[in-house]
Protein backbone atom coordinates (compact mmCIF):
# COMPACT_ATOMS: atom_id res chain seq x y z
CA MET A 1 4.86 -0.37 -33.30
CA GLU A 2 3.84 -2.08 -29.82
CA SER A 3 4.05 -0.14 -26.83
CA LYS A 4 6.24 -3.19 -25.08
CA ASN A 5 8.73 -3.25 -27.54
CA TYR A 6 10.00 -0.05 -26.45
CA LEU A 7 10.32 -0.84 -23.06
CA THR A 8 12.06 -3.97 -24.22
CA TYR A 9 14.91 -2.21 -25.98
CA LEU A 10 15.04 0.73 -23.03
CA GLN A 11 15.42 -2.03 -21.02
CA GLU A 12 18.25 -3.69 -23.21
CA HIS A 13 19.88 -0.11 -23.10
CA GLN A 14 20.12 0.36 -19.81
CA GLU A 15 23.33 0.56 -19.26
CA GLU A 16 24.16 2.61 -21.87
CA MET A 17 21.82 4.71 -20.45
CA LEU A 18 23.58 4.60 -16.56
CA LEU A 19 26.93 5.58 -18.13
CA LEU A 20 25.72 8.73 -19.89
CA LEU A 21 23.69 9.73 -16.59
CA GLU A 22 26.52 8.92 -14.49
CA GLU A 23 28.69 10.95 -16.73
CA LEU A 24 26.73 13.65 -16.13
CA VAL A 25 26.17 13.60 -12.70
CA ASN A 26 30.06 13.90 -12.32
CA ILE A 27 29.89 17.31 -13.76
CA ASP A 28 29.18 20.04 -11.71
CA SER A 29 26.07 21.67 -13.36
CA GLY A 30 24.58 24.00 -10.55
CA SER A 31 23.22 26.94 -11.50
CA TYR A 32 25.89 29.09 -11.11
CA CYS A 33 28.36 26.68 -12.66
CA LYS A 34 27.95 28.07 -16.05
CA ALA A 35 31.00 25.61 -17.32
CA GLY A 36 29.95 22.16 -16.17
CA ILE A 37 26.16 23.51 -17.50
CA ASP A 38 27.62 24.09 -20.57
CA LEU A 39 29.29 21.16 -20.92
CA VAL A 40 26.59 19.05 -19.72
CA GLY A 41 24.77 21.27 -22.90
CA LYS A 42 27.34 19.91 -25.43
CA ARG A 43 27.05 16.45 -24.44
CA MET A 44 23.40 16.49 -24.61
CA GLY A 45 23.27 18.39 -27.88
CA GLU A 46 26.23 15.54 -29.43
CA GLU A 47 24.00 12.68 -28.39
CA TYR A 48 20.72 14.04 -29.90
CA ALA A 49 22.80 15.51 -33.29
CA ARG A 50 23.80 11.42 -33.54
CA LEU A 51 20.01 11.18 -34.18
CA GLY A 52 19.81 13.52 -36.85
CA PHE A 53 18.43 16.83 -34.61
CA SER A 54 19.66 19.75 -35.73
CA VAL A 55 21.43 21.55 -32.43
CA GLU A 56 20.50 25.18 -31.70
CA ASP A 57 23.12 26.51 -28.96
CA ILE A 58 21.26 29.18 -27.01
CA ILE A 59 24.80 31.46 -25.92
CA HIS A 60 24.15 33.80 -22.89
CA ALA A 61 26.73 34.80 -21.20
CA ASP A 62 26.48 35.06 -17.81
CA CYS A 63 24.55 32.47 -16.89
CA GLY A 64 24.89 28.28 -18.37
CA ASN A 65 23.77 28.43 -22.28
CA GLY A 66 20.80 27.22 -23.22
CA LEU A 67 19.97 23.96 -25.91
CA VAL A 68 17.36 23.49 -28.13
CA VAL A 69 17.54 20.38 -31.10
CA ARG A 70 14.75 19.68 -33.62
CA ARG A 71 13.50 16.45 -35.72
CA PRO A 72 11.31 17.35 -38.40
CA GLY A 73 7.85 14.90 -38.75
CA SER A 74 4.94 15.20 -40.90
CA GLY A 75 2.24 15.02 -37.99
CA LYS A 76 1.76 16.89 -34.70
CA HIS A 77 4.90 19.24 -33.12
CA VAL A 78 5.50 17.71 -29.36
CA LEU A 79 7.55 19.81 -27.38
CA LEU A 80 9.49 18.32 -25.10
CA ILE A 81 10.78 20.43 -21.58
CA GLY A 82 13.90 19.80 -19.75
CA HIS A 83 17.16 21.66 -18.18
CA LEU A 84 20.69 21.37 -17.96
CA ASP A 85 21.32 23.19 -14.38
CA THR A 86 21.10 21.15 -10.89
CA VAL A 87 20.66 23.33 -7.35
CA PHE A 88 23.80 21.77 -6.36
CA PRO A 89 26.99 23.73 -6.34
CA GLU A 90 30.69 23.83 -7.47
CA GLY A 91 32.81 21.03 -5.94
CA SER A 92 29.42 18.95 -4.79
CA ALA A 93 30.41 15.96 -7.75
CA ALA A 94 33.77 15.59 -5.75
CA ARG A 95 32.36 15.91 -2.57
CA GLN A 96 29.91 12.84 -4.08
CA PRO A 97 30.18 11.36 -7.15
CA TYR A 98 27.32 8.78 -8.97
CA PHE A 99 27.18 5.28 -7.21
CA THR A 100 24.65 2.90 -7.66
CA GLU A 101 23.22 1.16 -4.53
CA ASN A 102 20.28 -1.77 -3.91
CA GLY A 103 18.64 -0.86 -7.36
CA ARG A 104 19.13 3.16 -7.06
CA ALA A 105 21.17 5.30 -8.42
CA PHE A 106 22.87 8.61 -6.11
CA GLY A 107 24.60 11.95 -6.85
CA PRO A 108 24.05 15.59 -7.11
CA GLY A 109 21.29 15.56 -9.54
CA VAL A 110 20.53 12.53 -10.39
CA LEU A 111 16.90 12.57 -9.99
CA ASP A 112 16.54 16.35 -11.17
CA MET A 113 17.37 16.10 -13.61
CA LYS A 114 20.23 14.61 -15.21
CA GLY A 115 18.00 11.02 -15.33
CA CYS A 116 14.76 13.01 -17.07
CA LEU A 117 17.51 14.45 -19.65
CA VAL A 118 18.74 10.85 -20.27
CA GLY A 119 15.50 9.46 -20.09
CA GLY A 120 14.30 12.11 -22.47
CA LEU A 121 17.48 11.23 -24.92
CA TYR A 122 16.38 7.78 -25.11
CA ALA A 123 12.78 7.67 -25.49
CA VAL A 124 13.59 9.72 -28.57
CA ARG A 125 16.12 7.61 -29.65
CA ALA A 126 14.12 4.16 -29.37
CA LEU A 127 11.08 6.21 -31.06
CA CYS A 128 14.23 7.29 -34.02
CA GLU A 129 14.87 3.77 -34.41
CA LEU A 130 11.87 1.26 -33.87
CA GLU A 131 9.75 3.96 -36.32
CA LYS A 132 10.45 3.73 -40.23
CA GLU A 133 9.27 6.87 -39.89
CA PRO A 134 7.96 8.77 -36.55
CA ALA A 135 4.84 11.09 -37.37
CA ALA A 136 5.21 13.65 -34.54
CA ASP A 137 7.57 17.00 -35.22
CA ILE A 138 10.20 17.13 -32.01
CA THR A 139 12.35 19.90 -30.63
CA VAL A 140 13.74 19.25 -27.16
CA VAL A 141 14.11 23.11 -25.48
CA MET A 142 16.95 22.72 -22.50
CA SER A 143 17.35 25.36 -20.09
CA GLY A 144 20.49 26.41 -18.81
CA ASP A 145 18.79 28.38 -16.05
CA GLU A 146 15.62 26.52 -14.95
CA GLU A 147 16.75 26.46 -11.05
CA ILE A 148 16.76 30.20 -10.76
CA GLY A 149 13.72 31.13 -12.97
CA SER A 150 14.86 30.04 -16.58
CA PHE A 151 14.43 34.27 -17.30
CA HIS A 152 16.86 34.18 -19.98
CA MET A 153 14.85 31.37 -21.67
CA ARG A 154 11.81 33.40 -21.91
CA ASP A 155 11.71 34.32 -25.42
CA ILE A 156 13.12 31.28 -26.82
CA TYR A 157 9.80 29.48 -24.78
CA GLU A 158 7.67 32.23 -26.51
CA ARG A 159 8.74 31.28 -29.28
CA GLU A 160 8.72 27.28 -29.32
CA ALA A 161 4.95 27.46 -27.53
CA ARG A 162 3.90 29.44 -30.67
CA HIS A 163 4.10 26.54 -32.97
CA SER A 164 3.53 23.32 -30.75
CA ASP A 165 0.73 21.13 -30.70
CA TRP A 166 1.51 19.53 -27.09
CA ALA A 167 4.02 20.25 -24.34
CA ILE A 168 5.92 17.16 -22.10
CA VAL A 169 8.16 18.20 -19.36
CA MET A 170 10.61 15.52 -18.69
CA GLU A 171 10.88 16.56 -14.57
CA PRO A 172 10.86 13.26 -12.39
CA ALA A 173 7.68 12.18 -11.30
CA ARG A 174 6.57 12.78 -8.23
CA GLU A 175 8.59 10.28 -5.08
CA ASN A 176 5.40 7.46 -5.44
CA GLY A 177 5.33 7.80 -9.23
CA GLU A 178 2.58 10.32 -9.71
CA ILE A 179 2.48 12.64 -12.52
CA VAL A 180 2.45 16.38 -12.77
CA THR A 181 -1.18 18.09 -14.49
CA ALA A 182 -1.63 21.54 -12.58
CA ARG A 183 0.89 23.52 -10.96
CA LYS A 184 0.69 26.75 -9.30
CA GLY A 185 2.03 29.64 -10.07
CA GLY A 186 4.78 31.96 -8.83
CA ALA A 187 5.57 35.44 -8.13
CA TYR A 188 8.82 37.05 -6.43
CA LEU A 189 8.94 40.28 -4.38
CA THR A 190 11.02 42.27 -3.15
CA VAL A 191 10.43 45.32 -0.45
CA THR A 192 13.02 47.77 0.76
CA ALA A 193 12.64 50.03 3.20
CA HIS A 194 14.65 53.55 4.12
CA GLY A 195 14.26 55.41 7.45
CA LYS A 196 16.89 57.66 9.63
CA ALA A 197 19.38 55.82 12.23
CA ALA A 198 19.52 57.17 15.57
CA HIS A 199 20.96 56.09 18.60
CA ALA A 200 19.05 53.91 20.65
CA GLY A 201 19.76 55.01 24.04
CA ILE A 202 19.86 58.99 23.75
CA GLN A 203 17.78 60.04 20.44
CA PRO A 204 15.42 56.86 19.67
CA GLU A 205 12.08 59.11 18.84
CA THR A 206 14.16 60.99 15.98
CA GLY A 207 15.11 57.47 14.38
CA ARG A 208 12.59 55.93 11.59
CA ASN A 209 13.06 52.42 11.91
CA ALA A 210 13.24 50.39 8.94
CA VAL A 211 13.05 46.58 10.18
CA GLU A 212 9.78 47.78 12.18
CA GLU A 213 8.55 48.92 9.49
CA LEU A 214 8.53 45.58 6.90
CA ALA A 215 7.78 43.68 10.72
CA LEU A 216 4.63 45.21 10.83
CA LYS A 217 4.23 44.96 6.78
CA ILE A 218 4.54 41.70 7.19
CA GLY A 219 1.34 41.57 9.53
CA ARG A 220 0.02 42.58 7.11
CA LEU A 221 1.34 39.90 4.46
CA ARG A 222 0.36 37.29 5.96
CA SER A 223 -3.19 37.83 6.61
CA LEU A 224 -3.55 37.33 2.97
CA ASN A 225 -2.52 33.34 3.34
CA ASP A 226 -5.60 31.40 1.99
CA PHE A 227 -4.38 27.66 1.84
CA GLU A 228 -7.29 26.20 1.23
CA ALA A 229 -7.62 28.12 -2.08
CA GLY A 230 -4.31 27.55 -2.21
CA THR A 231 -3.00 31.14 -2.31
CA THR A 232 0.41 31.58 0.10
CA ILE A 233 2.89 34.34 1.05
CA THR A 234 6.23 33.27 2.51
CA ILE A 235 8.41 35.44 3.75
CA GLY A 236 12.08 33.54 2.63
CA LYS A 237 14.46 36.13 3.73
CA PHE A 238 14.69 39.69 5.65
CA SER A 239 18.39 41.72 6.73
CA GLY A 240 18.06 45.33 8.45
CA GLY A 241 19.95 47.28 11.11
CA THR A 242 24.19 47.24 11.84
CA VAL A 243 24.31 47.24 15.09
CA ARG A 244 21.90 46.29 18.19
CA ASN A 245 21.94 49.94 20.17
CA VAL A 246 21.31 52.19 16.24
CA VAL A 247 17.51 52.22 14.89
CA ALA A 248 17.70 50.32 11.73
CA GLU A 249 18.00 52.92 8.73
CA ASP A 250 17.71 49.36 6.35
CA ALA A 251 15.81 46.68 5.69
CA GLN A 252 15.11 44.87 2.94
CA MET A 253 12.93 41.41 2.98
CA GLU A 254 12.14 38.77 0.12
CA VAL A 255 8.58 36.68 -0.14
CA ASP A 256 7.55 33.87 -2.69
CA LEU A 257 4.03 34.06 -3.57
CA ARG A 258 1.88 30.87 -5.03
CA PHE A 259 -1.24 30.86 -6.25
CA ARG A 260 -3.71 28.51 -8.24
CA ASP A 261 -4.90 30.29 -11.36
CA MET A 262 -4.24 33.62 -12.36
CA GLU A 263 -7.35 35.16 -11.75
CA LYS A 264 -5.96 34.35 -7.65
CA GLY A 265 -3.07 35.85 -8.49
CA GLU A 266 -4.06 39.18 -9.68
CA GLU A 267 -6.55 39.80 -6.89
CA LEU A 268 -3.33 38.63 -4.59
CA PHE A 269 -1.18 41.35 -6.68
CA LYS A 270 -3.78 43.93 -6.13
CA LYS A 271 -3.68 43.43 -2.07
CA ILE A 272 -0.26 43.44 -2.30
CA ARG A 273 0.42 46.98 -4.27
CA GLU A 274 -2.67 48.16 -1.46
CA ILE A 275 -0.71 47.04 1.75
CA LEU A 276 2.26 48.87 0.03
CA ALA A 277 1.17 51.98 -1.46
CA ALA A 278 2.07 53.90 1.62
CA PRO A 279 4.38 53.23 5.12
CA GLU A 280 3.26 52.22 8.55
CA ILE A 281 5.79 55.11 9.61
CA ARG A 282 5.66 58.09 8.74
CA GLY A 283 9.03 59.35 7.43
CA ILE A 284 10.13 55.84 6.08
CA LYS A 285 10.56 55.30 2.12
CA LEU A 286 9.49 52.32 0.83
CA THR A 287 9.87 51.09 -2.96
CA TYR A 288 9.26 46.69 -3.99
CA THR A 289 9.43 45.08 -6.78
CA LEU A 290 6.86 42.41 -7.81
CA THR A 291 8.40 40.31 -10.82
CA LEU A 292 5.88 37.20 -12.21
CA SER A 293 8.57 34.09 -12.42
CA ARG A 294 6.13 31.71 -14.15
CA PRO A 295 2.21 31.50 -14.40
CA PRO A 296 0.09 28.58 -13.22
CA LEU A 297 0.32 25.01 -15.53
CA VAL A 298 -3.79 24.76 -15.61
CA SER A 299 -6.03 22.72 -17.86
CA VAL A 300 -6.64 24.23 -21.25
CA LYS A 301 -7.87 22.94 -24.77
CA GLY A 302 -6.84 19.76 -25.73
CA SER A 303 -5.53 18.84 -21.64
CA GLU A 304 -7.77 16.49 -21.30
CA ALA A 305 -6.77 14.54 -24.80
CA LEU A 306 -3.21 14.74 -23.68
CA ALA A 307 -4.00 12.97 -20.30
CA ALA A 308 -5.94 10.35 -21.38
CA ILE A 309 -3.02 8.99 -24.46
CA VAL A 310 -0.88 9.08 -20.64
CA LYS A 311 -3.01 7.13 -18.86
CA GLU A 312 -3.29 4.90 -22.04
CA VAL A 313 0.01 3.98 -22.38
CA SER A 314 0.35 3.76 -18.77
CA ARG A 315 -1.94 0.98 -18.99
CA GLU A 316 -0.48 -0.85 -21.52
CA LEU A 317 3.26 -0.31 -19.83
CA GLU A 318 1.58 -1.76 -16.19
CA ILE A 319 2.48 1.69 -15.20
CA PRO A 320 0.16 3.03 -12.08
CA TYR A 321 -1.49 6.20 -13.39
CA GLN A 322 -1.28 8.79 -10.71
CA ALA A 323 -1.64 12.05 -10.94
CA VAL A 324 -1.07 15.36 -8.41
CA GLU A 325 -1.50 19.18 -8.49
CA THR A 326 2.01 20.55 -6.92
CA GLY A 327 3.11 24.09 -5.47
CA GLY A 328 6.33 23.34 -7.09
CA LEU A 329 6.66 25.75 -10.27
CA SER A 330 8.78 24.42 -13.93
CA ASP A 331 9.36 25.53 -17.08
CA GLY A 332 5.98 23.94 -17.64
CA ASN A 333 4.56 26.66 -16.47
CA LEU A 334 5.82 28.96 -19.09
CA VAL A 335 4.30 26.75 -22.42
CA CYS A 336 1.61 26.26 -20.49
CA GLY A 337 0.85 30.43 -20.17
CA PHE A 338 0.46 30.55 -23.96
CA GLY A 339 -2.26 28.09 -24.55
CA VAL A 340 -0.37 24.47 -25.13
CA PRO A 341 -1.55 21.61 -23.52
CA THR A 342 1.08 20.30 -20.95
CA ILE A 343 1.60 17.10 -19.23
CA ASP A 344 4.56 17.12 -16.70
CA GLY A 345 6.52 14.89 -14.15
CA MET A 346 6.98 12.51 -17.28
CA GLY A 347 10.48 11.18 -16.02
CA PRO A 348 11.95 8.67 -13.40
CA VAL A 349 11.03 8.02 -9.93
CA GLY A 350 12.99 9.01 -7.10
CA GLY A 351 13.27 11.43 -4.41
CA ARG A 352 14.62 13.34 -1.85
CA MET A 353 15.22 15.68 -5.01
CA CYS A 354 17.55 19.04 -4.08
CA SER A 355 18.71 17.22 -0.92
CA PRO A 356 22.37 15.65 -0.84
CA GLU A 357 20.27 12.34 -0.69
CA GLU A 358 18.80 12.97 -4.08
CA TYR A 359 18.31 9.05 -5.77
CA LEU A 360 16.78 7.19 -8.35
CA ILE A 361 14.72 4.38 -8.51
CA LEU A 362 16.90 2.62 -11.69
CA ASP A 363 14.62 -0.11 -13.12
CA SER A 364 12.21 3.24 -13.59
CA LEU A 365 14.57 4.73 -15.82
CA PRO A 366 13.76 2.38 -18.73
CA ARG A 367 9.79 2.19 -17.93
CA ARG A 368 9.47 5.87 -17.75
CA ALA A 369 11.15 6.41 -20.84
CA ALA A 370 9.34 3.59 -22.52
CA ARG A 371 6.19 6.02 -21.66
CA LEU A 372 7.06 9.03 -22.86
CA ALA A 373 8.38 7.80 -26.32
CA VAL A 374 5.66 6.22 -26.97
CA THR A 375 3.41 8.88 -25.80
CA ILE A 376 5.30 10.87 -28.22
CA GLU A 377 4.28 9.06 -31.16
CA ARG A 378 0.82 8.89 -30.51
CA LEU A 379 0.53 12.56 -30.21
CA GLY A 380 2.18 13.03 -33.35
CA ARG A 381 -0.53 10.84 -35.35
CA LEU A 382 -3.62 12.44 -33.99
């Protein structure tokens, strides 16, 4: 089947796609809106079931459920990755429901990633309806807590990665249309200091200031930034003390860490542990947790072949092929960590993600879905 037949099919179904998109955008599904996430998952499960996919609900008690859908094929196994949650809090859909204007769609999560969910579904639908016997063995995994780390889905991603030949992440393309071929890895660092309170005017010398302890540590942690190498340390949250005239007894900070490869990540972790091994101020008790969020998405065996196919299909569909490395994380990092060649940003085009002005470019929805469908078909036959 020629690439442009897929594009024609999806353009003919664009109105259906937009009706489903409107329905999904008008459901609050922020990462802490479990009922809304589960409803979005239920709708996606229903749509995939109509295409003959088996549906597995991944039930979570304390966050949105995940979803895994499958349709066996005779060829290579292609894993598609998406998520059901957004960053928008409860009430966002009522305050700013879905609307379209000047060739763009707006609303909470319209791009990241409800437009991507719709595009992925219809790409698979086009493949199932236009190919007599689709070769690809397709699994789609949709996390219910991706925006807060997908920690409840780690076992599922490992399970699926173990038998996947290729992985495609349905995250949005960049604002200029770029896909993503590499992502930094990330980790979370939480540091807590416990000192001793004292009156700031009467006996400050008897106190042990936890805020000052962390301030001194911040200076040393900041020295680890290496922007040229892609290693960054960002102090994102800091709290401590009670009132102005009391030496702060307790303080805590939360730190974001990014790095281009695991070797650089391990070097960074080692230096951080050395810095935090002992307090700067005698008498302070210092504790910390260092958690790997996601490993880097890097080139592995098969990555060049995967990129070559996407480039070829892009040319056929007259989509400019542009690729970029980004510091943002996705669940593609997780499966790439198990050695699966992975490409990201294969969703539609838009911009201002995670802001009230987030938008999706309407005519990119069928065009990018067509590229996704053809890419899946060709990967299945390799």
